Amino acid sequence: MTTALKNKPKRQRATVILLRDNAVLLTFTHSGIALLPGGNIERGELAIMAAARELYEETSLIATSLRFVFEHESNTTIHQVFLAEADGNPVAGDDAAALAFHAGNPAGAAHKLSPGTIDILTRFQHQTK
């Protein structure tokens, strides 16, 4: 890791896991990368509020339940990970180009998952066994 990365403060992100029929909701960037819904925690904003806001902005879903599950730290980001429940059908919005549900092993996904998404989903799967 370069010195510049070591000295740069890590991004604070609220990350949401939403399950339906044992599949997790993914958002796709315009470049085709699959991510869990979520985004920056704004200054003064509670992580749980950022999770609810980002879920709505990216999927049009209103969380009926949000539960903190763990914190995950990557090279550039500290993720506050929440498990969400929401009613309705998700619709891509904000910076999400598309949405899809993924079931199974994240490392063997047909989608191009970000490394952080793979790590978070793998940890979540091990935690819920």
Protein backbone atom coordinates (compact mmCIF):
# COMPACT_ATOMS: atom_id res chain seq x y z
CA MET A 1 0.00 0.00 0.00
CA THR A 2 1.34 3.45 -0.84
CA THR A 3 2.02 6.06 1.81
CA ALA A 4 -0.74 8.25 0.36
CA LEU A 5 -3.31 5.47 0.94
CA LYS A 6 -2.02 4.83 4.46
CA ASN A 7 -2.47 8.50 5.41
CA LYS A 8 -5.83 9.05 3.71
CA PRO A 9 -8.82 8.64 6.02
CA LYS A 10 -11.01 5.71 5.12
CA ARG A 11 -14.42 6.26 3.58
CA GLN A 12 -17.31 5.57 5.97
CA ARG A 13 -20.04 3.55 4.22
CA ALA A 14 -23.42 2.16 5.24
CA THR A 15 -23.85 -1.18 3.49
CA VAL A 16 -27.16 -3.06 3.29
CA ILE A 17 -27.87 -6.77 2.96
CA LEU A 18 -31.45 -7.41 1.87
CA LEU A 19 -32.49 -11.05 1.48
CA ARG A 20 -35.44 -12.49 -0.42
CA ASP A 21 -35.87 -16.25 -0.80
CA ASN A 22 -32.23 -16.79 0.28
CA ALA A 23 -30.97 -14.39 -2.41
CA VAL A 24 -29.26 -11.06 -1.74
CA LEU A 25 -30.12 -7.84 -3.56
CA LEU A 26 -27.26 -6.38 -5.61
CA THR A 27 -26.98 -3.03 -7.31
CA PHE A 28 -24.99 -2.66 -10.52
CA THR A 29 -22.89 0.36 -11.38
CA HIS A 30 -22.93 1.76 -14.92
CA SER A 31 -19.60 -0.05 -15.44
CA GLY A 32 -21.20 -3.41 -14.53
CA ILE A 33 -19.75 -3.91 -11.04
CA ALA A 34 -22.15 -5.55 -8.57
CA LEU A 35 -22.31 -4.03 -5.09
CA LEU A 36 -24.48 -4.27 -2.05
CA PRO A 37 -26.80 -1.27 -1.73
CA GLY A 38 -25.25 1.51 0.31
CA GLY A 39 -23.15 4.61 0.25
CA ASN A 40 -21.38 7.33 2.17
CA ILE A 41 -22.37 8.16 5.71
CA GLU A 42 -22.75 11.94 5.67
CA ARG A 43 -21.15 14.10 8.38
CA GLY A 44 -23.36 13.99 11.48
CA GLU A 45 -25.55 11.21 10.06
CA LEU A 46 -26.13 7.99 11.98
CA ALA A 47 -25.01 4.87 10.08
CA ILE A 48 -28.47 3.31 10.38
CA MET A 49 -30.06 6.42 8.86
CA ALA A 50 -27.54 6.34 6.00
CA ALA A 51 -28.40 2.67 5.41
CA ALA A 52 -32.13 3.47 5.20
CA ARG A 53 -31.50 6.50 2.94
CA GLU A 54 -29.17 4.67 0.57
CA LEU A 55 -31.47 1.65 0.32
CA TYR A 56 -34.31 3.97 -0.69
CA GLU A 57 -32.21 6.06 -3.11
CA GLU A 58 -30.80 3.03 -4.91
CA THR A 59 -33.80 0.66 -4.83
CA SER A 60 -36.92 2.73 -3.98
CA LEU A 61 -37.45 0.36 -1.03
CA ILE A 62 -38.35 1.67 2.41
CA ALA A 63 -36.73 -0.42 5.14
CA THR A 64 -39.24 -1.86 7.60
CA SER A 65 -36.37 -3.22 9.71
CA LEU A 66 -32.63 -2.55 9.88
CA ARG A 67 -30.29 -4.47 12.17
CA PHE A 68 -26.56 -3.84 12.53
CA VAL A 69 -24.65 -7.08 11.83
CA PHE A 70 -20.95 -6.12 11.76
CA GLU A 71 -18.29 -3.65 10.74
CA HIS A 72 -16.04 -4.59 7.82
CA GLU A 73 -12.82 -2.78 7.00
CA SER A 74 -11.25 -2.90 3.54
CA ASN A 75 -8.19 -1.05 2.23
CA THR A 76 -10.17 2.13 1.55
CA THR A 77 -13.52 1.81 3.33
CA ILE A 78 -15.07 1.06 6.70
CA HIS A 79 -18.46 -0.56 6.10
CA GLN A 80 -21.21 -0.47 8.72
CA VAL A 81 -23.20 -3.51 7.54
CA PHE A 82 -26.94 -3.77 8.18
CA LEU A 83 -29.45 -6.52 7.50
CA ALA A 84 -32.65 -5.02 6.11
CA GLU A 85 -36.23 -6.03 5.55
CA ALA A 86 -38.41 -4.12 3.11
CA ASP A 87 -41.71 -4.67 1.33
CA GLY A 88 -42.32 -4.16 -2.37
CA ASN A 89 -40.35 -4.62 -5.54
CA PRO A 90 -37.01 -2.86 -5.92
CA VAL A 91 -36.52 -0.40 -8.76
CA ALA A 92 -33.06 0.89 -9.74
CA GLY A 93 -32.56 4.53 -8.91
CA ASP A 94 -29.88 7.08 -8.03
CA ASP A 95 -26.53 5.71 -9.20
CA ALA A 96 -27.73 2.10 -9.61
CA ALA A 97 -27.90 1.13 -13.29
CA ALA A 98 -29.69 -2.15 -12.51
CA LEU A 99 -30.67 -4.48 -9.67
CA ALA A 100 -30.66 -8.26 -9.32
CA PHE A 101 -30.96 -10.91 -6.65
CA HIS A 102 -28.03 -13.31 -6.25
CA ALA A 103 -28.15 -16.68 -4.47
CA GLY A 104 -25.24 -18.93 -3.62
CA ASN A 105 -21.52 -18.56 -3.17
CA PRO A 106 -20.43 -14.94 -3.72
CA ALA A 107 -16.96 -15.99 -4.89
CA GLY A 108 -18.52 -18.12 -7.66
CA ALA A 109 -21.00 -15.48 -8.79
CA ALA A 110 -21.65 -14.96 -12.48
CA HIS A 111 -21.84 -11.22 -11.73
CA LYS A 112 -18.71 -9.11 -11.43
CA LEU A 113 -18.81 -8.54 -7.66
CA SER A 114 -16.49 -6.04 -6.03
CA PRO A 115 -13.88 -7.59 -3.70
CA GLY A 116 -15.50 -5.83 -0.72
CA THR A 117 -18.91 -7.27 -1.63
CA ILE A 118 -17.45 -10.78 -1.83
CA ASP A 119 -15.76 -10.36 1.56
CA ILE A 120 -18.89 -8.99 3.24
CA LEU A 121 -21.19 -11.67 1.81
CA THR A 122 -18.74 -14.46 2.67
CA ARG A 123 -18.48 -13.20 6.25
CA PHE A 124 -22.26 -12.84 6.47
CA GLN A 125 -22.80 -16.39 5.21
CA HIS A 126 -20.33 -17.81 7.74
CA GLN A 127 -21.93 -15.78 10.53
CA THR A 128 -25.44 -17.02 9.77
CA LYS A 129 -24.61 -20.76 9.53
